[in-house]
Every structure is written in structure tokens, then in C-alpha cells.
Amino acid sequence: MCELNNIDDAVKFIETYDENSRAASFQRFEIRVRYNNGNEIEGKFNDKVSAIDFLRVCQPVPLG
């Protein structure tokens, strides 16, 4: 498990993660996004592209 503080860090982590370098076999990316208003969304993905696409959709829209 890896906890990151923002979407950009999560995307970077996934982009550099090597599914083949771990002792245990890779199963999937499990992502939970928690917003500061209390909302949460979750997703489970078998590949990097789908996981990153999900995170990009979860990116908060800048105010202002």
C-alpha cells in the first residue's frame, strides 16, 4: 500500500511502478481518492493506462 497526498504524485507513482519487479505477482492497482469535503471514490484497474485515466478524471478543478 502506498499513500500519496495528491493526484500528480499518484500518477507519477503509477507511471514509474514496475509490476514485474515485486516478489509477489502484480494483481491490480486499487485506488481510493479522498477529497477534503469528505467525499471518496474508489477504482480497481488491471493496467497503468486505465488507472491514470481514472486519476485524471478525479483531478479537482482549480477554483478562480
C-alpha atoms as a PDB file:
ATOM      1  CA  MET A   1       0.000   0.000   0.000  1.00  0.00           C
ATOM      2  CA  CYS A   2       1.186   3.498  -0.805  1.00  0.00           C
ATOM      3  CA  GLU A   3      -0.484   6.697   0.405  1.00  0.00           C
ATOM      4  CA  LEU A   4       0.116   9.866  -1.592  1.00  0.00           C
ATOM      5  CA  ASN A   5      -1.102  13.410  -0.993  1.00  0.00           C
ATOM      6  CA  ASN A   6      -2.224  14.448  -4.458  1.00  0.00           C
ATOM      7  CA  ILE A   7      -3.231  13.203  -7.890  1.00  0.00           C
ATOM      8  CA  ASP A   8       0.009  14.254  -9.606  1.00  0.00           C
ATOM      9  CA  ASP A   9       2.105  12.216  -7.148  1.00  0.00           C
ATOM     10  CA  ALA A  10      -0.188   9.222  -7.636  1.00  0.00           C
ATOM     11  CA  VAL A  11       0.166   9.435 -11.428  1.00  0.00           C
ATOM     12  CA  LYS A  12       3.968   9.652 -11.143  1.00  0.00           C
ATOM     13  CA  PHE A  13       3.999   6.641  -8.813  1.00  0.00           C
ATOM     14  CA  ILE A  14       1.954   4.538 -11.228  1.00  0.00           C
ATOM     15  CA  GLU A  15       3.998   5.637 -14.251  1.00  0.00           C
ATOM     16  CA  THR A  16       7.238   4.503 -12.606  1.00  0.00           C
ATOM     17  CA  TYR A  17       5.880   1.392 -10.859  1.00  0.00           C
ATOM     18  CA  ASP A  18       7.385  -1.829 -12.239  1.00  0.00           C
ATOM     19  CA  GLU A  19       4.787  -4.569 -11.956  1.00  0.00           C
ATOM     20  CA  ASN A  20       7.414  -7.214 -12.731  1.00  0.00           C
ATOM     21  CA  SER A  21       9.946  -6.293 -10.035  1.00  0.00           C
ATOM     22  CA  ARG A  22       7.954  -7.393  -6.980  1.00  0.00           C
ATOM     23  CA  ALA A  23       8.337 -10.788  -5.309  1.00  0.00           C
ATOM     24  CA  ALA A  24       4.570 -11.320  -5.264  1.00  0.00           C
ATOM     25  CA  SER A  25       2.793 -11.246  -8.597  1.00  0.00           C
ATOM     26  CA  PHE A  26       1.059  -7.999  -9.536  1.00  0.00           C
ATOM     27  CA  GLN A  27      -2.724  -8.218  -9.370  1.00  0.00           C
ATOM     28  CA  ARG A  28      -4.105  -4.703  -9.954  1.00  0.00           C
ATOM     29  CA  PHE A  29      -3.981  -1.052  -8.981  1.00  0.00           C
ATOM     30  CA  GLU A  30      -6.509  -0.221  -6.264  1.00  0.00           C
ATOM     31  CA  ILE A  31      -7.117   3.498  -5.910  1.00  0.00           C
ATOM     32  CA  ARG A  32      -9.075   5.420  -3.299  1.00  0.00           C
ATOM     33  CA  VAL A  33      -9.386   9.179  -3.746  1.00  0.00           C
ATOM     34  CA  ARG A  34     -10.407  11.154  -0.662  1.00  0.00           C
ATOM     35  CA  TYR A  35     -11.415  14.778  -1.027  1.00  0.00           C
ATOM     36  CA  ASN A  36     -11.222  17.318   1.788  1.00  0.00           C
ATOM     37  CA  ASN A  37     -15.032  17.681   1.721  1.00  0.00           C
ATOM     38  CA  GLY A  38     -15.403  14.063   2.888  1.00  0.00           C
ATOM     39  CA  ASN A  39     -16.238  12.511  -0.496  1.00  0.00           C
ATOM     40  CA  GLU A  40     -14.442   9.344  -1.572  1.00  0.00           C
ATOM     41  CA  ILE A  41     -14.291   7.360  -4.801  1.00  0.00           C
ATOM     42  CA  GLU A  42     -12.580   4.049  -5.499  1.00  0.00           C
ATOM     43  CA  GLY A  43     -11.415   2.156  -8.536  1.00  0.00           C
ATOM     44  CA  LYS A  44      -9.621  -1.107  -9.359  1.00  0.00           C
ATOM     45  CA  PHE A  45      -7.577  -1.346 -12.550  1.00  0.00           C
ATOM     46  CA  ASN A  46      -5.537  -4.054 -14.247  1.00  0.00           C
ATOM     47  CA  ASP A  47      -3.284  -1.686 -16.168  1.00  0.00           C
ATOM     48  CA  LYS A  48      -1.455   1.624 -15.788  1.00  0.00           C
ATOM     49  CA  VAL A  49      -3.321   3.454 -18.546  1.00  0.00           C
ATOM     50  CA  SER A  50      -6.751   2.810 -17.014  1.00  0.00           C
ATOM     51  CA  ALA A  51      -5.541   3.738 -13.529  1.00  0.00           C
ATOM     52  CA  ILE A  52      -4.009   7.004 -14.737  1.00  0.00           C
ATOM     53  CA  ASP A  53      -7.110   7.866 -16.798  1.00  0.00           C
ATOM     54  CA  PHE A  54      -9.217   7.383 -13.661  1.00  0.00           C
ATOM     55  CA  LEU A  55      -6.947   9.657 -11.627  1.00  0.00           C
ATOM     56  CA  ARG A  56      -7.047  12.377 -14.293  1.00  0.00           C
ATOM     57  CA  VAL A  57     -10.860  12.360 -14.151  1.00  0.00           C
ATOM     58  CA  CYS A  58     -10.673  12.679 -10.343  1.00  0.00           C
ATOM     59  CA  GLN A  59      -8.416  15.734 -10.552  1.00  0.00           C
ATOM     60  CA  PRO A  60     -10.154  18.657  -8.830  1.00  0.00           C
ATOM     61  CA  VAL A  61     -10.942  21.661 -10.998  1.00  0.00           C
ATOM     62  CA  PRO A  62      -8.926  24.711  -9.864  1.00  0.00           C
ATOM     63  CA  LEU A  63     -11.037  27.482  -8.376  1.00  0.00           C
ATOM     64  CA  GLY A  64     -10.652  31.039  -9.510  1.00  0.00           C
END
